[in-house]
Structures are given as structure tokens and as C-alpha cells.
Amino acid sequence: MITEPGPDKVLTSGPIELIEAIKSKVLISVKAHGSNTVVIAGHYDCAGNPVSKEEHCEEIKKSIKVIQSWNIPIIVGVWVNEQWKIEIVDGIE
């Protein structure tokens, strides 16, 4: 598991140093540990990226495109709602 406050915002808006740090950690997980799925998640009441659900979902979709450029096989975007239930935002195989 790799965590970052507001990862959807970071992956879509930078700073580039944080994007590269996340990329490095993801690639270690994939190459060294055989991870084959990346989930990018946004959640209700996010302090790291305090925007609407709609804005999170758009950023999650854009984040998927960023992660896809790293040649990751499966990427899924999710939203964790007010009841802490997962809603699928998007996925690319």
C-alpha cells in the first residue's frame, strides 16, 4: 500500500517531485513484489484535497491516465463515500 494525502490531486497537478516519488514506489511494488493492480482512491471528507466528489472523480479519471503511462497492467479508480463504501469511478485494463 502506498499512501499520499490527496493522491488524485497530486497525480494531476504535481508537484513533479511528488509524482515521481509515487511513481517510484508504484514501480517498486509492481516490479519487486509482483503487484498487478493499482487502485487510485479518493474519499469523502479528504483533508489533503478538500474538493467535491465530482472534482475528485474527475481527478481520479485523470490520475488513471497518468498511471497508465507507467505501463501498469490494471488500474482502478474508486471513490469511498460517506458510508465508507467503495464506488467504482473508472478502470482501464
Protein backbone atom coordinates (compact mmCIF):
# COMPACT_ATOMS: atom_id res chain seq x y z
CA MET A 1 0.00 0.00 0.00
CA ILE A 2 1.25 3.43 -0.94
CA THR A 3 -0.45 6.38 0.69
CA GLU A 4 -0.31 10.06 -0.08
CA PRO A 5 -2.69 12.80 1.08
CA GLY A 6 -4.87 13.80 -1.89
CA PRO A 7 -3.16 11.48 -4.40
CA ASP A 8 -5.65 12.28 -7.16
CA LYS A 9 -4.75 15.97 -6.91
CA VAL A 10 -1.02 15.23 -6.67
CA LEU A 11 -1.03 12.99 -9.75
CA THR A 12 -2.95 15.54 -11.82
CA SER A 13 -1.34 18.77 -10.60
CA GLY A 14 2.02 17.98 -9.05
CA PRO A 15 4.44 18.96 -7.79
CA ILE A 16 6.51 16.80 -10.12
CA GLU A 17 8.74 15.64 -7.24
CA LEU A 18 5.73 14.02 -5.52
CA ILE A 19 4.50 12.48 -8.78
CA GLU A 20 7.94 10.95 -9.34
CA ALA A 21 8.06 9.69 -5.73
CA ILE A 22 4.68 7.99 -6.13
CA LYS A 23 5.74 6.54 -9.48
CA SER A 24 8.94 5.16 -7.98
CA LYS A 25 7.03 3.46 -5.15
CA VAL A 26 4.42 2.03 -7.51
CA LEU A 27 7.08 0.63 -9.84
CA ILE A 28 8.91 -0.98 -6.91
CA SER A 29 5.65 -2.61 -5.83
CA VAL A 30 4.97 -3.87 -9.36
CA LYS A 31 8.49 -4.99 -10.28
CA ALA A 32 9.83 -6.25 -6.95
CA HIS A 33 6.67 -7.55 -5.32
CA GLY A 34 4.57 -8.58 -8.30
CA SER A 35 1.67 -6.21 -7.69
CA ASN A 36 -0.53 -6.30 -10.76
CA THR A 37 -3.30 -3.87 -9.84
CA VAL A 38 -3.15 -0.23 -8.84
CA VAL A 39 -6.13 1.40 -7.17
CA ILE A 40 -6.30 5.17 -7.02
CA ALA A 41 -8.76 6.24 -4.36
CA GLY A 42 -10.39 9.44 -3.28
CA HIS A 43 -12.63 9.68 -0.27
CA TYR A 44 -15.30 11.72 1.39
CA ASP A 45 -14.01 14.35 3.81
CA CYS A 46 -10.47 14.29 2.38
CA ALA A 47 -8.27 16.78 4.22
CA GLY A 48 -5.45 16.53 1.65
CA ASN A 49 -7.74 17.50 -1.25
CA PRO A 50 -10.90 19.13 0.15
CA VAL A 51 -12.99 19.33 -3.04
CA SER A 52 -16.36 17.97 -4.17
CA LYS A 53 -16.99 14.34 -5.04
CA GLU A 54 -17.38 15.37 -8.68
CA GLU A 55 -13.98 17.05 -8.75
CA HIS A 56 -12.36 14.06 -7.04
CA CYS A 57 -13.88 11.72 -9.61
CA GLU A 58 -12.55 13.83 -12.49
CA GLU A 59 -9.10 13.90 -10.88
CA ILE A 60 -9.24 10.13 -10.32
CA LYS A 61 -10.01 9.60 -14.02
CA LYS A 62 -7.08 11.84 -14.99
CA SER A 63 -4.85 10.04 -12.46
CA ILE A 64 -5.65 6.75 -14.16
CA LYS A 65 -4.25 8.15 -17.42
CA VAL A 66 -1.07 9.25 -15.63
CA ILE A 67 -0.60 5.82 -14.04
CA GLN A 68 -1.40 4.10 -17.33
CA SER A 69 1.59 5.91 -18.87
CA TRP A 70 3.79 3.95 -16.43
CA ASN A 71 2.77 0.68 -18.16
CA ILE A 72 0.80 -0.66 -15.21
CA PRO A 73 -1.44 -3.55 -16.32
CA ILE A 74 -4.63 -2.84 -14.36
CA ILE A 75 -5.69 0.47 -12.84
CA VAL A 76 -8.95 1.05 -10.99
CA GLY A 77 -10.29 4.34 -9.69
CA VAL A 78 -12.56 4.34 -6.66
CA TRP A 79 -14.46 6.80 -4.51
CA VAL A 80 -15.02 6.00 -0.83
CA ASN A 81 -18.33 7.61 0.11
CA GLU A 82 -19.76 8.95 3.36
CA GLN A 83 -20.68 5.41 4.50
CA TRP A 84 -17.11 4.23 3.70
CA LYS A 85 -18.47 2.15 0.83
CA ILE A 86 -16.48 1.90 -2.38
CA GLU A 87 -17.89 3.23 -5.66
CA ILE A 88 -16.02 2.39 -8.86
CA VAL A 89 -15.11 5.57 -10.73
CA ASP A 90 -13.24 4.10 -13.69
CA GLY A 91 -10.92 1.31 -14.67
CA ILE A 92 -8.53 0.60 -17.50
CA GLU A 93 -7.02 -2.74 -18.43
